[in-house]
C-alpha atoms as a PDB file:
ATOM      1  CA  MET A   1       7.508-104.901  50.287  1.00  0.00           C
ATOM      2  CA  ASP A   2      10.311-103.640  48.213  1.00  0.00           C
ATOM      3  CA  ASN A   3      13.558-104.939  48.880  1.00  0.00           C
ATOM      4  CA  SER A   4      15.623-102.580  50.909  1.00  0.00           C
ATOM      5  CA  TYR A   5      18.833-103.532  49.424  1.00  0.00           C
ATOM      6  CA  GLY A   6      17.727-102.300  46.065  1.00  0.00           C
ATOM      7  CA  LEU A   7      16.063 -99.248  47.499  1.00  0.00           C
ATOM      8  CA  ALA A   8      19.338 -98.284  49.168  1.00  0.00           C
ATOM      9  CA  MET A   9      21.475 -98.332  45.903  1.00  0.00           C
ATOM     10  CA  PRO A  10      21.207 -94.500  45.242  1.00  0.00           C
ATOM     11  CA  TYR A  11      22.835 -93.969  48.510  1.00  0.00           C
ATOM     12  CA  GLU A  12      25.840 -95.900  47.265  1.00  0.00           C
ATOM     13  CA  HIS A  13      25.680 -94.589  43.684  1.00  0.00           C
ATOM     14  CA  PHE A  14      25.624 -91.080  44.879  1.00  0.00           C
ATOM     15  CA  ILE A  15      28.262 -91.097  47.746  1.00  0.00           C
ATOM     16  CA  ARG A  16      30.602 -93.334  45.294  1.00  0.00           C
ATOM     17  CA  ARG A  17      29.983 -90.400  42.353  1.00  0.00           C
ATOM     18  CA  ALA A  18      31.326 -87.885  44.953  1.00  0.00           C
ATOM     19  CA  PHE A  19      34.270 -89.510  45.950  1.00  0.00           C
ATOM     20  CA  ASN A  20      34.700 -91.559  42.810  1.00  0.00           C
ATOM     21  CA  CYS A  21      35.671 -94.399  45.034  1.00  0.00           C
ATOM     22  CA  GLY A  22      35.173 -98.006  45.159  1.00  0.00           C
ATOM     23  CA  TYR A  23      32.736-100.097  47.274  1.00  0.00           C
ATOM     24  CA  ASN A  24      32.248 -99.045  50.884  1.00  0.00           C
ATOM     25  CA  GLU A  25      34.936 -96.295  50.472  1.00  0.00           C
ATOM     26  CA  HIS A  26      33.876 -93.307  52.579  1.00  0.00           C
ATOM     27  CA  GLN A  27      31.106 -95.222  53.969  1.00  0.00           C
ATOM     28  CA  SER A  28      29.335 -95.656  50.481  1.00  0.00           C
ATOM     29  CA  LYS A  29      27.720 -98.908  51.121  1.00  0.00           C
ATOM     30  CA  ASN A  30      24.722 -99.525  50.615  1.00  0.00           C
ATOM     31  CA  ALA A  31      24.070-101.476  53.745  1.00  0.00           C
ATOM     32  CA  TYR A  32      24.282 -97.877  55.550  1.00  0.00           C
ATOM     33  CA  LEU A  33      20.499 -97.063  54.353  1.00  0.00           C
ATOM     34  CA  GLN A  34      19.303-100.405  53.931  1.00  0.00           C
ATOM     35  CA  ASN A  35      19.938-101.244  58.009  1.00  0.00           C
ATOM     36  CA  LEU A  36      18.049 -97.841  58.285  1.00  0.00           C
ATOM     37  CA  ILE A  37      15.229 -98.812  55.805  1.00  0.00           C
ATOM     38  CA  ASP A  38      15.029-102.192  57.784  1.00  0.00           C
ATOM     39  CA  THR A  39      15.028-100.218  61.211  1.00  0.00           C
ATOM     40  CA  GLU A  40      12.260 -97.966  60.142  1.00  0.00           C
ATOM     41  CA  ARG A  41      10.295-100.875  59.012  1.00  0.00           C
ATOM     42  CA  GLY A  42      10.402-102.861  62.600  1.00  0.00           C
ATOM     43  CA  ALA A  43      13.475-104.803  62.531  1.00  0.00           C
ATOM     44  CA  ASP A  44      15.730-104.581  65.927  1.00  0.00           C
ATOM     45  CA  LEU A  45      18.907-103.829  64.557  1.00  0.00           C
ATOM     46  CA  ARG A  46      19.881-101.988  67.727  1.00  0.00           C
ATOM     47  CA  SER A  47      22.286-104.278  68.997  1.00  0.00           C
ATOM     48  CA  THR A  48      24.604-103.938  65.621  1.00  0.00           C
ATOM     49  CA  VAL A  49      24.083-100.564  64.255  1.00  0.00           C
ATOM     50  CA  GLY A  50      22.106 -98.745  66.769  1.00  0.00           C
ATOM     51  CA  SER A  51      19.046 -97.124  66.946  1.00  0.00           C
ATOM     52  CA  TYR A  52      17.241 -95.895  64.033  1.00  0.00           C
ATOM     53  CA  GLU A  53      18.339 -91.880  65.210  1.00  0.00           C
ATOM     54  CA  LYS A  54      21.912 -92.786  65.504  1.00  0.00           C
ATOM     55  CA  GLN A  55      21.756 -94.696  62.247  1.00  0.00           C
ATOM     56  CA  LEU A  56      19.932 -91.457  60.631  1.00  0.00           C
ATOM     57  CA  LYS A  57      22.448 -89.024  61.503  1.00  0.00           C
ATOM     58  CA  GLU A  58      25.165 -90.741  60.037  1.00  0.00           C
ATOM     59  CA  ILE A  59      23.327 -91.446  56.702  1.00  0.00           C
ATOM     60  CA  LYS A  60      22.772 -87.606  56.830  1.00  0.00           C
ATOM     61  CA  LYS A  61      26.391 -87.014  57.828  1.00  0.00           C
ATOM     62  CA  ASN A  62      27.340 -88.965  54.572  1.00  0.00           C
ATOM     63  CA  ILE A  63      25.540 -87.675  52.284  1.00  0.00           C
ATOM     64  CA  GLU A  64      26.371 -84.107  53.541  1.00  0.00           C
ATOM     65  CA  LYS A  65      30.041 -84.873  52.600  1.00  0.00           C
ATOM     66  CA  ALA A  66      29.213 -85.822  49.462  1.00  0.00           C
ATOM     67  CA  ILE A  67      27.261 -82.860  48.962  1.00  0.00           C
ATOM     68  CA  LEU A  68      29.978 -80.575  50.282  1.00  0.00           C
ATOM     69  CA  LYS A  69      32.561 -82.515  48.170  1.00  0.00           C
ATOM     70  CA  PHE A  70      30.446 -81.995  44.499  1.00  0.00           C
ATOM     71  CA  LEU A  71      30.361 -78.603  45.909  1.00  0.00           C
ATOM     72  CA  LYS A  72      34.356 -78.191  45.599  1.00  0.00           C
ATOM     73  CA  SER A  73      34.323 -80.017  42.185  1.00  0.00           C
ATOM     74  CA  LYS A  74      33.332 -76.776  40.544  1.00  0.00           C
ATOM     75  CA  PRO A  75      30.044 -77.757  39.551  1.00  0.00           C
ATOM     76  CA  THR A  76      27.611 -75.546  37.101  1.00  0.00           C
ATOM     77  CA  ILE A  77      25.715 -73.004  38.392  1.00  0.00           C
ATOM     78  CA  GLU A  78      22.414 -75.097  38.250  1.00  0.00           C
ATOM     79  CA  GLU A  79      24.281 -77.774  39.902  1.00  0.00           C
ATOM     80  CA  LYS A  80      25.282 -75.746  42.547  1.00  0.00           C
ATOM     81  CA  THR A  81      21.863 -74.421  43.086  1.00  0.00           C
ATOM     82  CA  GLY A  82      20.600 -77.897  43.078  1.00  0.00           C
ATOM     83  CA  LEU A  83      23.247 -79.053  45.631  1.00  0.00           C
ATOM     84  CA  GLU A  84      23.005 -75.972  48.084  1.00  0.00           C
ATOM     85  CA  LYS A  85      19.140 -76.738  47.950  1.00  0.00           C
ATOM     86  CA  MET A  86      19.652 -80.234  48.604  1.00  0.00           C
ATOM     87  CA  LEU A  87      22.208 -79.162  51.845  1.00  0.00           C
ATOM     88  CA  THR A  88      19.294 -77.013  53.146  1.00  0.00           C
ATOM     89  CA  GLN A  89      16.868 -79.688  52.472  1.00  0.00           C
ATOM     90  CA  LEU A  90      18.932 -82.825  54.237  1.00  0.00           C
ATOM     91  CA  GLN A  91      18.413 -81.146  57.733  1.00  0.00           C
ATOM     92  CA  SER A  92      14.812 -81.611  57.835  1.00  0.00           C
ATOM     93  CA  LEU A  93      14.501 -85.257  56.481  1.00  0.00           C
ATOM     94  CA  TYR A  94      13.473 -87.854  58.815  1.00  0.00           C
ATOM     95  CA  SER A  95      12.328 -90.833  57.043  1.00  0.00           C
ATOM     96  CA  THR A  96      14.128 -93.004  54.655  1.00  0.00           C
ATOM     97  CA  ASN A  97      11.403 -92.241  51.863  1.00  0.00           C
ATOM     98  CA  GLU A  98      12.585 -88.642  52.080  1.00  0.00           C
ATOM     99  CA  ILE A  99      16.149 -89.813  52.240  1.00  0.00           C
ATOM    100  CA  LEU A 100      15.530 -91.650  48.923  1.00  0.00           C
ATOM    101  CA  SER A 101      13.839 -88.661  47.128  1.00  0.00           C
ATOM    102  CA  LEU A 102      16.923 -86.509  47.937  1.00  0.00           C
ATOM    103  CA  LEU A 103      19.213 -88.880  47.012  1.00  0.00           C
ATOM    104  CA  ASP A 104      17.191 -89.198  43.406  1.00  0.00           C
ATOM    105  CA  GLU A 105      17.349 -85.818  43.118  1.00  0.00           C
ATOM    106  CA  GLY A 106      21.064 -85.585  43.603  1.00  0.00           C
ATOM    107  CA  LEU A 107      21.860 -88.208  41.083  1.00  0.00           C
ATOM    108  CA  GLU A 108      19.967 -86.228  38.422  1.00  0.00           C
ATOM    109  CA  ILE A 109      21.844 -83.044  39.596  1.00  0.00           C
ATOM    110  CA  THR A 110      25.416 -84.537  39.202  1.00  0.00           C
ATOM    111  CA  LYS A 111      24.797 -86.925  36.280  1.00  0.00           C
ATOM    112  CA  ARG A 112      27.528 -85.276  34.762  1.00  0.00           C
ATOM    113  CA  TYR A 113      29.716 -86.960  37.172  1.00  0.00           C
ATOM    114  CA  LYS A 114      29.052 -90.760  36.156  1.00  0.00           C
END
């Protein structure tokens, strides 16, 4: 089984890149997605971080804010198109694998913002 800490890093990188911020600013800490991955794998974290649905909603909200931030940063036409597509897809994601795939796409789209 893959390490959830390492798997969750694209979340932190995407949020931090969007806001050009430090660790855990704008809820960028990868532990947020790590907890969701662990919950999806069967860990009972409800008493500390809430239900899977609550965590998923929060993660999606944070990703949406990052996408909107990128869209305000004068993206190229290709970046804008990709980010708008991500925004549309985000609402229908329900698994961590789907979220990680979207984040990988987002990191590729926004690579010039490194």
